[in-house]
Amino acid sequence: MRETARVFCNSFKPRLHPVFVTSMASLPLVAKAAGGLLSVTGAAVCVYWYVFWSRNYEGDLITYGPYAYVRHPFYSGFLSVAVGLALALPIYETRLLLVFTLAAIVVYVPKEEEALVRRYNKRYLDYMKKVRHRLIPWVY
């Protein structure tokens, strides 16, 4: 009976692609620590963005505060959280989170910028010239 139960339970184990199978010891400790720091920093950026947005958004274009450094500060913070978690906890769930985050950013950032150009016209185009970086200051 126990053998039947073991075989039955083992038949439901997920079969993961080798890319997603990693032991927790596969990354050096310094990479995990950097990932933890990056995650905490990204979470702080997300919280700061939320507080800033809640206090300052009145339906008009905001070009100061975190928006003076990057055009999409919340996406920057969330990307930092996803990358940091994938480094700090290298398991398939955090890697999937990173893949989905990157996919969402690739899809939504250009659409959002198109909508902002339509809404604010020259003001947003001038803002894009002033703040050249979408997500990562001095990089992208």
Protein backbone atom coordinates (compact mmCIF):
# COMPACT_ATOMS: atom_id res chain seq x y z
CA MET A 1 0.00 0.00 0.00
CA ARG A 2 2.79 2.44 0.89
CA GLU A 3 4.58 1.71 -2.38
CA THR A 4 1.40 2.49 -4.32
CA ALA A 5 0.96 5.76 -2.44
CA ARG A 6 4.60 6.72 -3.10
CA VAL A 7 4.30 6.00 -6.82
CA PHE A 8 1.00 7.88 -6.98
CA CYS A 9 2.40 10.95 -5.19
CA ASN A 10 5.61 10.97 -7.24
CA SER A 11 3.63 10.95 -10.47
CA PHE A 12 2.42 14.49 -9.66
CA LYS A 13 5.86 16.01 -9.16
CA PRO A 14 6.42 18.83 -11.62
CA ARG A 15 8.97 18.16 -14.33
CA LEU A 16 10.96 21.35 -14.65
CA HIS A 17 13.17 22.46 -17.48
CA PRO A 18 16.86 22.37 -16.43
CA VAL A 19 17.02 26.18 -16.67
CA PHE A 20 14.71 26.40 -13.67
CA VAL A 21 16.38 23.70 -11.58
CA THR A 22 19.01 25.25 -9.36
CA SER A 23 20.27 24.58 -5.90
CA MET A 24 20.42 27.45 -3.46
CA ALA A 25 24.21 27.01 -3.32
CA SER A 26 24.75 27.65 -7.04
CA LEU A 27 25.44 31.37 -6.64
CA PRO A 28 28.23 32.86 -4.55
CA LEU A 29 27.26 34.44 -1.27
CA VAL A 30 28.25 37.89 -2.51
CA ALA A 31 25.76 37.57 -5.41
CA LYS A 32 23.01 36.56 -3.00
CA ALA A 33 23.85 39.48 -0.71
CA ALA A 34 23.85 41.88 -3.66
CA GLY A 35 20.49 40.45 -4.70
CA GLY A 36 19.08 41.00 -1.23
CA LEU A 37 20.32 44.58 -1.20
CA LEU A 38 18.92 45.17 -4.68
CA SER A 39 15.54 43.76 -3.65
CA VAL A 40 15.32 45.93 -0.55
CA THR A 41 16.40 49.01 -2.52
CA GLY A 42 13.83 48.28 -5.23
CA ALA A 43 11.10 47.84 -2.65
CA ALA A 44 12.07 51.17 -1.07
CA VAL A 45 11.89 52.84 -4.50
CA CYS A 46 8.40 51.38 -5.04
CA VAL A 47 7.19 52.62 -1.66
CA TYR A 48 8.78 56.05 -2.21
CA TRP A 49 7.14 56.26 -5.65
CA TYR A 50 3.73 55.37 -4.20
CA VAL A 51 3.96 57.98 -1.45
CA PHE A 52 5.27 60.60 -3.88
CA TRP A 53 2.59 59.81 -6.48
CA SER A 54 -0.20 59.85 -3.89
CA ARG A 55 0.81 63.27 -2.60
CA ASN A 56 1.71 64.98 -5.89
CA TYR A 57 -0.38 63.63 -8.75
CA GLU A 58 -3.25 65.92 -9.62
CA GLY A 59 -3.86 64.83 -13.21
CA ASP A 60 -0.93 66.69 -14.75
CA LEU A 61 2.50 65.61 -15.94
CA ILE A 62 5.00 65.21 -13.10
CA THR A 63 8.64 65.91 -14.00
CA TYR A 64 10.22 66.32 -10.56
CA GLY A 65 10.99 63.98 -7.68
CA PRO A 66 11.83 60.47 -8.88
CA TYR A 67 10.65 61.48 -12.36
CA ALA A 68 13.65 63.80 -12.65
CA TYR A 69 15.92 60.72 -12.88
CA VAL A 70 13.91 58.14 -14.84
CA ARG A 71 10.61 58.31 -16.70
CA HIS A 72 9.17 55.17 -15.06
CA PRO A 73 10.38 55.02 -11.43
CA PHE A 74 7.88 52.38 -10.28
CA TYR A 75 8.94 50.01 -13.06
CA SER A 76 12.57 50.67 -12.08
CA GLY A 77 11.88 49.73 -8.50
CA PHE A 78 9.92 46.61 -9.37
CA LEU A 79 12.59 45.50 -11.85
CA SER A 80 15.16 45.88 -9.05
CA VAL A 81 13.02 43.73 -6.77
CA ALA A 82 12.66 41.02 -9.44
CA VAL A 83 16.38 40.96 -10.34
CA GLY A 84 17.36 41.04 -6.68
CA LEU A 85 15.06 38.17 -5.77
CA ALA A 86 16.35 36.10 -8.68
CA LEU A 87 19.88 36.61 -7.35
CA ALA A 88 19.14 36.25 -3.65
CA LEU A 89 16.81 33.26 -4.01
CA PRO A 90 17.73 31.47 -7.25
CA ILE A 91 14.65 29.26 -7.55
CA TYR A 92 12.33 28.88 -10.49
CA GLU A 93 9.61 31.10 -9.00
CA THR A 94 11.91 34.11 -8.74
CA ARG A 95 13.26 33.46 -12.23
CA LEU A 96 9.71 33.32 -13.59
CA LEU A 97 8.93 36.57 -11.78
CA LEU A 98 11.93 38.15 -13.49
CA VAL A 99 10.90 36.82 -16.92
CA PHE A 100 7.31 38.08 -16.49
CA THR A 101 8.55 41.43 -15.20
CA LEU A 102 10.85 41.91 -18.17
CA ALA A 103 8.08 40.88 -20.58
CA ALA A 104 5.63 43.32 -19.01
CA ILE A 105 8.16 46.14 -19.11
CA VAL A 106 9.03 45.47 -22.76
CA VAL A 107 5.34 45.53 -23.67
CA TYR A 108 3.94 48.26 -21.44
CA VAL A 109 6.65 50.93 -21.28
CA PRO A 110 6.50 51.80 -25.01
CA LYS A 111 2.67 51.73 -24.96
CA GLU A 112 2.60 53.96 -21.90
CA GLU A 113 5.01 56.41 -23.49
CA GLU A 114 2.89 56.55 -26.66
CA ALA A 115 -0.17 57.32 -24.56
CA LEU A 116 1.72 60.03 -22.66
CA VAL A 117 2.92 61.62 -25.90
CA ARG A 118 -0.69 61.66 -27.17
CA ARG A 119 -1.93 63.18 -23.92
CA TYR A 120 0.77 65.76 -23.21
CA ASN A 121 2.20 66.29 -26.75
CA LYS A 122 5.20 68.62 -26.77
CA ARG A 123 5.48 68.73 -22.98
CA TYR A 124 6.15 65.00 -22.80
CA LEU A 125 8.50 65.10 -25.79
CA ASP A 126 10.49 67.84 -24.05
CA TYR A 127 10.47 65.79 -20.86
CA MET A 128 11.79 62.78 -22.84
CA LYS A 129 14.66 64.93 -24.12
CA LYS A 130 15.41 66.17 -20.61
CA VAL A 131 15.13 62.76 -18.89
CA ARG A 132 16.58 60.36 -21.43
CA HIS A 133 16.45 57.21 -19.32
CA ARG A 134 13.32 55.11 -19.07
CA LEU A 135 14.24 52.77 -16.20
CA ILE A 136 17.88 52.81 -15.16
CA PRO A 137 19.62 56.17 -14.66
CA TRP A 138 22.56 56.69 -17.04
CA VAL A 139 21.96 53.24 -18.63
CA TYR A 140 18.48 52.79 -20.15
